[in-house]
Amino acid sequence: MKTPTVSIVVPVHNEELILDAFIKSLVSACKKLKISYELLLIENGSKDLTWQIIEKNMKRSSTVYGLRLKKADYGAAMIAGIKKSRGKYVVIFNADYWDGKFLSITQADLLGYDIVIGSKRLPGSLDQRQLTRRLTTWAFNWFLKIFLGYPGTDTHGIKVFNKEKLVPVIQKCKTRSGIVDSEIMVRAYRQNLQVLELPTTVREVRPAVFGLKRIWQTPLDVLRLYQVLKS
């Protein structure tokens, strides 16, 4: 089996409403760009038909692969996908948040950078999420800057990186869930990896779930991240 140049890793959880359309659009974008790629869909703890949709698309395409985790955990799913990936470049997308320009940048060797990340907070970005989510992003990045010295404007969402450069960083990470994105980026900065931020557009493509559990989990994640990175 030919080794792909680009591995696209997508953690998915309860995405039956949008997953099929996402896969079709992403595969179409890769074909237009003539990218040698593999699409790794990491299902984690879904209660709907997400896995069945992945299986259907695996039968349709030899470039689509699925991996199933029992527990719902975005970070664990992302790390599992990265470990499974075979490409020189790894792209991290979400089913509801992706951008073709981050695929095309792999054709230019990431413009000489080790990591390219999509920022929702750069000038030129358009963040159309609900207010609570935008405020959480702002507060979280303020914490990273003040308490952990991270100079970037965003750590969550779209990323493209040179696998050889970033895997040693990822191997040091101790967190999972939604906080591992930030641990990766802070550790990458401390290892002097070269990071480029690009503006992105993000909008809600389905009703967002932002309940009491998430509200309580965020400060706990912040505390855990601080403990890990200050030790």
Protein backbone atom coordinates (compact mmCIF):
# COMPACT_ATOMS: atom_id res chain seq x y z
CA MET A 1 0.00 0.00 0.00
CA LYS A 2 1.42 3.38 -1.03
CA THR A 3 2.33 5.68 1.85
CA PRO A 4 0.29 8.91 1.66
CA THR A 5 1.88 12.33 1.91
CA VAL A 6 -0.93 13.75 4.05
CA SER A 7 -2.84 12.11 6.91
CA ILE A 8 -6.10 13.85 7.83
CA VAL A 9 -7.14 12.99 11.40
CA VAL A 10 -10.73 13.72 12.42
CA PRO A 11 -12.05 12.84 15.90
CA VAL A 12 -15.81 12.25 15.60
CA HIS A 13 -18.47 11.93 18.29
CA ASN A 14 -22.22 11.78 17.54
CA GLU A 15 -21.81 13.32 14.09
CA GLU A 16 -24.42 11.34 12.13
CA LEU A 17 -26.20 14.49 10.90
CA ILE A 18 -23.18 16.01 9.16
CA LEU A 19 -20.57 13.26 8.75
CA ASP A 20 -21.53 11.92 5.32
CA ALA A 21 -21.58 15.38 3.74
CA PHE A 22 -18.30 16.28 5.44
CA ILE A 23 -16.53 13.19 4.10
CA LYS A 24 -17.78 13.80 0.56
CA SER A 25 -16.68 17.45 0.63
CA LEU A 26 -13.28 16.65 2.09
CA VAL A 27 -12.55 13.82 -0.34
CA SER A 28 -13.59 16.10 -3.22
CA ALA A 29 -11.23 18.84 -2.00
CA CYS A 30 -8.33 16.38 -1.78
CA LYS A 31 -8.97 15.12 -5.30
CA LYS A 32 -9.09 18.66 -6.70
CA LEU A 33 -5.75 19.43 -5.08
CA LYS A 34 -4.36 16.07 -6.26
CA ILE A 35 -3.09 15.31 -2.77
CA SER A 36 -1.86 11.86 -1.80
CA TYR A 37 -3.87 11.41 1.40
CA GLU A 38 -5.54 9.14 3.92
CA LEU A 39 -8.58 10.13 5.99
CA LEU A 40 -8.59 8.74 9.53
CA LEU A 41 -11.96 9.02 11.27
CA ILE A 42 -11.61 8.33 14.99
CA GLU A 43 -15.03 7.57 16.47
CA ASN A 44 -15.14 7.92 20.24
CA GLY A 45 -18.12 6.98 22.39
CA SER A 46 -20.88 7.86 19.92
CA LYS A 47 -24.47 6.90 20.72
CA ASP A 48 -25.82 7.44 17.21
CA LEU A 49 -25.01 6.04 13.74
CA THR A 50 -21.61 7.70 13.41
CA TRP A 51 -19.68 4.42 13.26
CA GLN A 52 -22.04 2.90 10.71
CA ILE A 53 -21.50 5.93 8.47
CA ILE A 54 -17.74 5.52 8.81
CA GLU A 55 -18.00 1.83 7.87
CA LYS A 56 -20.07 2.71 4.81
CA ASN A 57 -17.48 5.23 3.62
CA MET A 58 -14.62 2.79 4.25
CA LYS A 59 -16.29 0.43 1.79
CA ARG A 60 -16.68 3.24 -0.73
CA SER A 61 -13.11 4.54 -0.63
CA SER A 62 -9.70 2.95 -0.12
CA THR A 63 -8.40 6.21 1.38
CA VAL A 64 -10.92 6.33 4.26
CA TYR A 65 -10.10 4.50 7.48
CA GLY A 66 -11.93 4.21 10.79
CA LEU A 67 -10.85 3.58 14.34
CA ARG A 68 -13.27 3.10 17.23
CA LEU A 69 -12.72 4.06 20.87
CA LYS A 70 -15.21 3.09 23.57
CA LYS A 71 -15.00 6.29 25.60
CA ALA A 72 -15.94 9.78 24.43
CA ASP A 73 -12.62 11.65 24.58
CA TYR A 74 -11.59 14.14 21.89
CA GLY A 75 -7.96 14.26 22.98
CA ALA A 76 -7.54 10.49 23.17
CA ALA A 77 -9.13 10.18 19.73
CA MET A 78 -6.82 12.79 18.24
CA ILE A 79 -3.70 11.17 19.73
CA ALA A 80 -4.83 7.72 18.54
CA GLY A 81 -5.29 9.09 15.03
CA ILE A 82 -1.87 10.72 15.01
CA LYS A 83 -0.24 7.46 16.13
CA LYS A 84 -2.08 5.59 13.36
CA SER A 85 -1.18 8.13 10.67
CA ARG A 86 1.39 7.34 7.99
CA GLY A 87 1.83 10.65 6.19
CA LYS A 88 4.68 13.14 6.38
CA TYR A 89 2.14 15.82 7.24
CA VAL A 90 -0.77 15.44 9.65
CA VAL A 91 -3.86 17.62 9.38
CA ILE A 92 -6.29 17.88 12.31
CA PHE A 93 -9.84 18.76 11.27
CA ASN A 94 -13.24 18.55 12.95
CA ALA A 95 -16.32 17.45 11.04
CA ASP A 96 -17.84 20.89 11.63
CA TYR A 97 -14.65 22.94 11.29
CA TRP A 98 -12.21 22.55 8.41
CA ASP A 99 -10.67 24.63 5.64
CA GLY A 100 -9.17 23.51 2.34
CA LYS A 101 -6.32 26.03 2.49
CA PHE A 102 -4.77 23.94 5.25
CA LEU A 103 -4.62 21.03 2.83
CA SER A 104 -2.99 23.05 0.07
CA ILE A 105 -0.32 24.37 2.42
CA THR A 106 1.09 20.83 2.67
CA GLN A 107 2.04 21.19 -1.00
CA ALA A 108 4.33 24.07 -0.04
CA ASP A 109 6.09 22.21 2.82
CA LEU A 110 4.09 24.24 5.36
CA LEU A 111 5.91 27.36 4.08
CA GLY A 112 8.93 26.22 6.06
CA TYR A 113 7.10 26.07 9.41
CA ASP A 114 6.76 23.05 11.68
CA ILE A 115 3.12 23.74 12.62
CA VAL A 116 0.40 25.79 10.93
CA ILE A 117 -2.65 26.49 13.08
CA GLY A 118 -5.97 28.12 12.30
CA SER A 119 -6.77 30.95 14.70
CA LYS A 120 -10.29 32.17 15.41
CA ARG A 121 -8.88 35.34 16.99
CA LEU A 122 -6.54 36.79 14.38
CA PRO A 123 -7.45 39.89 12.37
CA GLY A 124 -9.27 38.58 9.31
CA SER A 125 -10.85 35.68 11.18
CA LEU A 126 -14.62 35.34 11.42
CA ASP A 127 -15.98 33.59 14.51
CA GLN A 128 -19.74 33.08 14.22
CA ARG A 129 -20.16 30.73 17.16
CA GLN A 130 -22.50 31.53 20.02
CA LEU A 131 -21.33 34.16 22.52
CA THR A 132 -20.61 31.72 25.36
CA ARG A 133 -18.18 29.76 23.20
CA ARG A 134 -16.42 32.90 21.96
CA LEU A 135 -16.01 34.18 25.53
CA THR A 136 -14.66 30.82 26.67
CA THR A 137 -12.07 30.89 23.87
CA TRP A 138 -11.01 34.42 24.84
CA ALA A 139 -10.73 33.58 28.56
CA PHE A 140 -8.85 30.36 27.93
CA ASN A 141 -6.28 32.00 25.69
CA TRP A 142 -5.85 34.82 28.23
CA PHE A 143 -4.99 32.15 30.80
CA LEU A 144 -2.45 30.52 28.48
CA LYS A 145 -0.75 33.86 27.85
CA ILE A 146 -0.67 35.15 31.44
CA PHE A 147 0.07 31.96 33.36
CA LEU A 148 1.93 29.77 30.86
CA GLY A 149 3.56 32.38 28.63
CA TYR A 150 2.05 31.12 25.38
CA PRO A 151 2.38 33.87 22.73
CA GLY A 152 -0.16 32.56 20.22
CA THR A 153 -3.80 33.58 19.85
CA ASP A 154 -5.46 30.14 19.65
CA THR A 155 -4.62 26.51 20.37
CA HIS A 156 -7.82 24.65 19.48
CA GLY A 157 -9.13 23.51 16.12
CA ILE A 158 -7.39 23.20 12.76
CA LYS A 159 -3.73 22.22 12.76
CA VAL A 160 -1.24 21.01 10.17
CA PHE A 161 2.17 19.79 11.20
CA ASN A 162 5.26 17.90 10.21
CA LYS A 163 4.76 14.58 11.98
CA GLU A 164 8.46 13.92 12.52
CA LYS A 165 8.85 17.25 14.31
CA LEU A 166 5.74 17.11 16.51
CA VAL A 167 5.52 13.45 17.59
CA PRO A 168 8.33 13.85 20.19
CA VAL A 169 6.31 16.73 21.68
CA ILE A 170 3.08 14.74 21.70
CA GLN A 171 4.78 11.82 23.44
CA LYS A 172 5.41 14.09 26.43
CA CYS A 173 1.76 15.13 26.77
CA LYS A 174 -0.06 13.97 29.90
CA THR A 175 -3.56 15.36 29.34
CA ARG A 176 -6.37 14.20 27.07
CA SER A 177 -9.98 15.39 26.55
CA GLY A 178 -10.27 18.83 24.95
CA ILE A 179 -7.25 20.22 26.77
CA VAL A 180 -4.54 18.26 24.95
CA ASP A 181 -4.60 20.73 22.02
CA SER A 182 -3.31 23.43 24.34
CA GLU A 183 -0.71 21.21 25.97
CA ILE A 184 0.66 20.29 22.55
CA MET A 185 0.94 23.92 21.45
CA VAL A 186 2.53 25.16 24.69
CA ARG A 187 5.06 22.32 24.63
CA ALA A 188 5.78 22.96 20.93
CA TYR A 189 6.47 26.63 21.70
CA ARG A 190 8.80 25.67 24.54
CA GLN A 191 10.66 23.32 22.19
CA ASN A 192 11.18 26.26 19.79
CA LEU A 193 9.17 24.73 16.97
CA GLN A 194 8.23 27.23 14.29
CA VAL A 195 4.50 28.05 14.36
CA LEU A 196 2.46 29.98 11.79
CA GLU A 197 -1.07 31.18 12.62
CA LEU A 198 -3.59 31.78 9.83
CA PRO A 199 -7.05 33.38 10.14
CA THR A 200 -10.06 31.10 9.82
CA THR A 201 -13.82 31.28 9.58
CA VAL A 202 -15.86 29.18 12.00
CA ARG A 203 -19.63 28.94 12.21
CA GLU A 204 -22.14 26.65 13.89
CA VAL A 205 -23.26 23.94 11.45
CA ARG A 206 -25.44 22.21 14.04
CA PRO A 207 -26.79 23.20 17.47
CA ALA A 208 -23.90 23.57 19.91
CA VAL A 209 -23.98 21.68 23.21
CA PHE A 210 -22.65 23.89 25.97
CA GLY A 211 -24.24 22.57 29.17
CA LEU A 212 -23.43 22.70 32.86
CA LYS A 213 -20.98 19.81 32.55
CA ARG A 214 -18.88 21.76 30.04
CA ILE A 215 -19.01 24.90 32.19
CA TRP A 216 -17.66 23.01 35.21
CA GLN A 217 -15.17 21.01 33.14
CA THR A 218 -13.40 24.04 31.68
CA PRO A 219 -11.87 25.35 34.96
CA LEU A 220 -10.93 21.78 35.93
CA ASP A 221 -9.14 21.39 32.59
CA VAL A 222 -7.37 24.71 33.14
CA LEU A 223 -6.16 23.58 36.57
CA ARG A 224 -4.96 20.25 35.20
CA LEU A 225 -3.09 21.95 32.36
CA TYR A 226 -1.42 24.39 34.76
CA GLN A 227 -0.31 21.56 37.05
CA VAL A 228 1.12 19.54 34.16
CA LEU A 229 2.99 22.38 32.48
CA LYS A 230 4.31 24.00 35.65
CA SER A 231 5.72 20.73 36.98
